[in-house]
Amino acid sequence: MATLEIRDLHVSVNTGTEDKQILRGVDLTLNQGEIHAIMGPNGSGKSTLAYAVAGHPKYAVTSGQILLDGEDVLAMTVDERARAGLFLAMQYPVEVPGVSVANFLRTAATAVRGEAPKLRHWVKEVKEAMEGLRMDPAFSERSINEGFSGGEKKRHEILQMELLAPKVAILDETDSGLDIDALRVVSEGINRVHEKTDNATVLITHYTRILRYVKPDHVHVFAGGRIAESGGPELAEELEEKGYERFMSAGAQA
């Protein structure tokens, strides 16, 4: 049973002029089959947590542990983390001119699976995943994220997740910039991967609209670099109604 354990995690980020502490002792356990929503105001540390788990070099873990099935994630390189089953869908996916979506996806799948997928099966696999996300087959010949709309970028992230089938998927504001139709399609993709793989899924979001389609088991509120409160789906509804004000004042005092 896949488990990601985050224990007393402290993380700083290099701003170019200084190392600024962002996370100040985060404890979180993600079990296989669970969906967690992480909410909170801007600057509370939500995306920092995602990048620290993924191994972004700009984010330095100053103390604490991250364990995947008991293995030390912090001792792994970025590609080792991906092969171990960690996946991050970025809030702002980068453009990679000259590298086609098709080549990127097959290279990524080969790295994660340990061998190149057989071409006949791979073509069928990609086709089915793209159909599920309402993507034109011609999309696979375009350069990664070059000239993509916001919706296309987010669908491409979910396409990657579906083909790589990670143990733990962290989705950083995947709902941002999506119209209602794209939100439904992306949410259906998230649910489809979750049902197929029984993975642990983390949704980082400001709003409850995606949580109407992807139902969380647990909701956590970040404030001041810590988890200020955890609860069930009802906590997200409270945030929708009352906002983050009480958490922001508590975070400022921390």
Protein backbone atom coordinates (compact mmCIF):
# COMPACT_ATOMS: atom_id res chain seq x y z
CA MET A 1 0.00 0.00 0.00
CA ALA A 2 1.64 3.26 -1.18
CA THR A 3 2.15 5.88 1.50
CA LEU A 4 3.79 9.31 1.33
CA GLU A 5 4.79 10.63 4.75
CA ILE A 6 5.85 14.24 5.27
CA ARG A 7 7.28 14.80 8.73
CA ASP A 8 8.06 18.17 10.31
CA LEU A 9 9.11 19.58 6.94
CA HIS A 10 10.90 22.93 6.84
CA VAL A 11 11.71 24.44 3.44
CA SER A 12 13.37 27.66 2.33
CA VAL A 13 13.50 29.19 -1.13
CA ASN A 14 16.31 31.15 -2.71
CA THR A 15 14.91 34.50 -3.84
CA GLY A 16 18.17 35.57 -5.47
CA THR A 17 19.12 37.83 -2.58
CA GLU A 18 18.34 35.59 0.41
CA ASP A 19 17.07 32.21 1.55
CA LYS A 20 13.51 32.77 2.73
CA GLN A 21 11.85 30.19 4.95
CA ILE A 22 8.45 29.16 3.60
CA LEU A 23 7.44 25.87 5.24
CA ARG A 24 7.68 25.82 9.01
CA GLY A 25 6.94 22.28 10.09
CA VAL A 26 4.47 20.44 7.83
CA ASP A 27 3.16 17.02 8.85
CA LEU A 28 1.03 15.15 6.33
CA THR A 29 0.39 11.50 5.50
CA LEU A 30 -1.08 10.47 2.14
CA ASN A 31 -2.31 6.89 1.88
CA GLN A 32 -3.06 4.94 -1.27
CA GLY A 33 -6.57 5.56 -2.53
CA GLU A 34 -7.00 8.89 -0.77
CA ILE A 35 -7.68 12.30 -2.32
CA HIS A 36 -6.41 15.29 -0.36
CA ALA A 37 -7.21 18.92 -1.13
CA ILE A 38 -4.74 21.57 0.01
CA MET A 39 -6.18 25.06 0.17
CA GLY A 40 -5.01 28.40 1.50
CA PRO A 41 -4.21 32.00 0.58
CA ASN A 42 -1.38 33.04 -1.74
CA GLY A 43 2.04 32.70 -0.14
CA SER A 44 0.94 30.14 2.43
CA GLY A 45 3.31 27.42 1.18
CA LYS A 46 1.06 25.18 -0.92
CA SER A 47 3.17 25.19 -4.09
CA THR A 48 6.39 25.13 -2.05
CA LEU A 49 5.30 21.79 -0.62
CA ALA A 50 4.68 20.42 -4.12
CA TYR A 51 8.06 21.54 -5.45
CA ALA A 52 9.92 20.30 -2.38
CA VAL A 53 8.42 16.83 -2.79
CA ALA A 54 9.27 16.83 -6.50
CA GLY A 55 12.86 17.97 -5.87
CA HIS A 56 12.96 21.43 -7.46
CA PRO A 57 16.52 22.75 -6.89
CA LYS A 58 15.30 26.22 -5.88
CA TYR A 59 13.60 24.78 -2.78
CA ALA A 60 15.91 23.62 0.02
CA VAL A 61 14.67 21.25 2.71
CA THR A 62 16.33 22.54 5.87
CA SER A 63 14.90 19.86 8.18
CA GLY A 64 12.29 17.12 8.26
CA GLN A 65 11.61 14.00 6.22
CA ILE A 66 9.72 12.90 3.13
CA LEU A 67 9.21 9.13 2.88
CA LEU A 68 7.59 7.11 0.09
CA ASP A 69 6.80 3.59 1.25
CA GLY A 70 9.47 4.08 3.91
CA GLU A 71 12.14 5.16 1.41
CA ASP A 72 13.91 8.51 1.84
CA VAL A 73 12.65 10.74 -0.96
CA LEU A 74 15.14 13.48 -0.11
CA ALA A 75 18.01 11.13 -0.97
CA MET A 76 16.59 10.62 -4.48
CA THR A 77 17.32 12.68 -7.60
CA VAL A 78 14.40 14.21 -9.46
CA ASP A 79 14.27 11.38 -12.01
CA GLU A 80 14.54 8.77 -9.25
CA ARG A 81 11.52 10.33 -7.57
CA ALA A 82 9.55 10.05 -10.82
CA ARG A 83 10.56 6.42 -11.25
CA ALA A 84 9.58 5.73 -7.63
CA GLY A 85 6.06 6.91 -8.45
CA LEU A 86 5.87 10.64 -7.69
CA PHE A 87 4.24 12.97 -10.20
CA LEU A 88 3.83 16.74 -10.22
CA ALA A 89 1.46 18.62 -12.52
CA MET A 90 2.84 22.15 -12.48
CA GLN A 91 0.82 25.32 -12.11
CA TYR A 92 2.77 26.90 -14.98
CA PRO A 93 4.01 24.16 -17.36
CA VAL A 94 7.08 25.24 -19.31
CA GLU A 95 7.46 25.31 -23.09
CA VAL A 96 9.97 22.92 -24.68
CA PRO A 97 10.36 24.01 -28.32
CA GLY A 98 11.50 21.31 -30.72
CA VAL A 99 10.41 18.36 -28.57
CA SER A 100 7.12 16.84 -29.66
CA VAL A 101 4.49 15.72 -27.20
CA ALA A 102 4.64 12.20 -28.70
CA ASN A 103 8.40 11.86 -28.22
CA PHE A 104 8.29 13.33 -24.74
CA LEU A 105 5.52 11.01 -23.58
CA ARG A 106 7.22 7.85 -24.86
CA THR A 107 10.58 8.89 -23.39
CA ALA A 108 8.96 9.62 -20.03
CA ALA A 109 7.06 6.32 -20.04
CA THR A 110 10.26 4.43 -20.91
CA ALA A 111 12.11 6.07 -18.00
CA VAL A 112 9.35 5.37 -15.49
CA ARG A 113 8.53 1.83 -16.66
CA GLY A 114 12.14 0.77 -17.11
CA GLU A 115 11.66 -0.28 -20.73
CA ALA A 116 10.24 1.19 -23.91
CA PRO A 117 6.54 0.39 -24.33
CA LYS A 118 5.81 -1.81 -27.33
CA LEU A 119 4.87 0.57 -30.12
CA ARG A 120 1.58 -1.08 -31.13
CA HIS A 121 0.26 -1.10 -27.57
CA TRP A 122 1.66 2.36 -26.89
CA VAL A 123 -0.12 3.97 -29.84
CA LYS A 124 -3.42 2.47 -28.64
CA GLU A 125 -2.75 3.57 -25.06
CA VAL A 126 -2.02 7.16 -26.07
CA LYS A 127 -5.00 7.30 -28.42
CA GLU A 128 -7.42 6.13 -25.72
CA ALA A 129 -6.02 8.57 -23.16
CA MET A 130 -6.26 11.48 -25.61
CA GLU A 131 -9.82 10.56 -26.54
CA GLY A 132 -10.76 10.56 -22.85
CA LEU A 133 -9.40 14.11 -22.57
CA ARG A 134 -11.10 15.28 -25.82
CA MET A 135 -7.72 15.94 -27.45
CA ASP A 136 -7.16 16.05 -31.21
CA PRO A 137 -4.64 13.33 -32.26
CA ALA A 138 -2.65 16.03 -34.10
CA PHE A 139 -1.85 17.50 -30.69
CA SER A 140 0.83 14.83 -30.19
CA GLU A 141 2.95 16.30 -33.01
CA ARG A 142 3.15 19.78 -31.48
CA SER A 143 6.10 20.98 -29.40
CA ILE A 144 5.51 20.68 -25.66
CA ASN A 145 3.33 23.57 -24.43
CA GLU A 146 4.47 25.84 -27.28
CA GLY A 147 1.48 27.99 -28.19
CA PHE A 148 -0.81 25.86 -26.02
CA SER A 149 -3.86 27.45 -24.45
CA GLY A 150 -4.28 27.21 -20.69
CA GLY A 151 -6.73 24.34 -21.14
CA GLU A 152 -4.39 22.47 -23.50
CA LYS A 153 -1.51 22.75 -21.04
CA LYS A 154 -3.61 21.31 -18.23
CA ARG A 155 -4.98 18.49 -20.38
CA HIS A 156 -1.44 17.64 -21.38
CA GLU A 157 -0.46 17.39 -17.70
CA ILE A 158 -3.33 14.98 -17.04
CA LEU A 159 -2.42 13.02 -20.18
CA GLN A 160 1.06 12.54 -18.73
CA MET A 161 -0.40 11.41 -15.42
CA GLU A 162 -2.68 8.89 -17.10
CA LEU A 163 0.15 7.35 -19.11
CA LEU A 164 2.68 7.32 -16.24
CA ALA A 165 0.20 6.02 -13.60
CA PRO A 166 2.05 7.40 -10.54
CA LYS A 167 1.63 6.18 -6.98
CA VAL A 168 1.28 9.78 -5.77
CA ALA A 169 0.00 12.59 -8.00
CA ILE A 170 0.38 16.20 -6.86
CA LEU A 171 -1.65 18.62 -8.96
CA ASP A 172 -0.69 22.25 -8.40
CA GLU A 173 -3.66 24.48 -9.27
CA THR A 174 -4.63 22.32 -12.22
CA ASP A 175 -8.00 24.10 -12.24
CA SER A 176 -6.57 27.59 -12.76
CA GLY A 177 -7.44 29.19 -16.08
CA LEU A 178 -9.92 26.50 -17.11
CA ASP A 179 -13.38 27.25 -18.44
CA ILE A 180 -16.25 25.10 -17.19
CA ASP A 181 -16.04 22.58 -20.05
CA ALA A 182 -12.27 22.12 -19.72
CA LEU A 183 -12.66 21.81 -15.94
CA ARG A 184 -15.09 18.93 -16.38
CA VAL A 185 -12.82 17.13 -18.85
CA VAL A 186 -9.72 17.57 -16.68
CA SER A 187 -11.64 16.46 -13.57
CA GLU A 188 -12.90 13.38 -15.38
CA GLY A 189 -9.30 12.57 -16.28
CA ILE A 190 -8.15 12.94 -12.67
CA ASN A 191 -10.97 10.68 -11.47
CA ARG A 192 -10.27 8.14 -14.21
CA VAL A 193 -6.59 7.83 -13.24
CA HIS A 194 -7.47 7.66 -9.55
CA GLU A 195 -10.00 4.89 -10.10
CA LYS A 196 -7.66 2.96 -12.38
CA THR A 197 -4.54 3.16 -10.21
CA ASP A 198 -6.00 3.73 -6.70
CA ASN A 199 -3.22 6.28 -6.24
CA ALA A 200 -2.92 9.03 -3.65
CA THR A 201 -3.93 12.34 -5.20
CA VAL A 202 -3.23 15.85 -3.91
CA LEU A 203 -5.19 18.79 -5.32
CA ILE A 204 -3.68 22.19 -4.55
CA THR A 205 -6.33 24.80 -5.19
CA HIS A 206 -7.75 28.15 -4.09
CA TYR A 207 -11.33 27.31 -4.97
CA THR A 208 -13.94 24.63 -4.37
CA ARG A 209 -15.13 24.38 -7.98
CA ILE A 210 -12.84 21.46 -8.88
CA LEU A 211 -13.85 19.76 -5.63
CA ARG A 212 -17.40 19.50 -6.96
CA TYR A 213 -16.05 17.09 -9.57
CA VAL A 214 -13.11 15.48 -7.73
CA LYS A 215 -14.35 14.63 -4.24
CA PRO A 216 -11.66 14.90 -1.55
CA ASP A 217 -11.44 12.60 1.45
CA HIS A 218 -9.42 15.18 3.38
CA VAL A 219 -9.07 18.97 3.16
CA HIS A 220 -6.09 20.84 4.65
CA VAL A 221 -5.74 24.60 5.07
CA PHE A 222 -2.25 26.07 4.77
CA ALA A 223 -1.38 29.30 6.58
CA GLY A 224 1.99 30.69 7.56
CA GLY A 225 3.87 27.70 6.16
CA ARG A 226 1.97 25.16 8.25
CA ILE A 227 -1.23 23.14 8.11
CA ALA A 228 -3.56 25.32 10.16
CA GLU A 229 -6.52 22.94 10.08
CA SER A 230 -7.60 19.64 8.54
CA GLY A 231 -11.05 18.22 8.01
CA GLY A 232 -13.41 16.64 5.52
CA PRO A 233 -15.15 18.11 2.46
CA GLU A 234 -17.23 20.32 4.73
CA LEU A 235 -14.11 22.36 5.51
CA ALA A 236 -13.84 23.33 1.83
CA GLU A 237 -17.45 24.49 1.89
CA GLU A 238 -16.72 26.61 4.96
CA LEU A 239 -13.77 28.22 3.14
CA GLU A 240 -15.98 28.97 0.14
CA GLU A 241 -18.46 30.72 2.40
CA LYS A 242 -16.15 32.49 4.87
CA GLY A 243 -12.77 32.75 3.14
CA TYR A 244 -9.33 32.45 4.70
CA GLU A 245 -9.41 35.44 7.02
CA ARG A 246 -9.27 33.56 10.32
CA PHE A 247 -6.40 31.41 9.05
CA MET A 248 -4.46 34.38 7.72
CA SER A 249 -4.54 36.14 11.09
CA ALA A 250 -3.44 32.91 12.78
CA GLY A 251 -0.64 32.46 10.20
CA ALA A 252 0.60 35.99 10.77
CA GLN A 253 0.94 35.27 14.49
CA ALA A 254 2.82 31.97 13.92
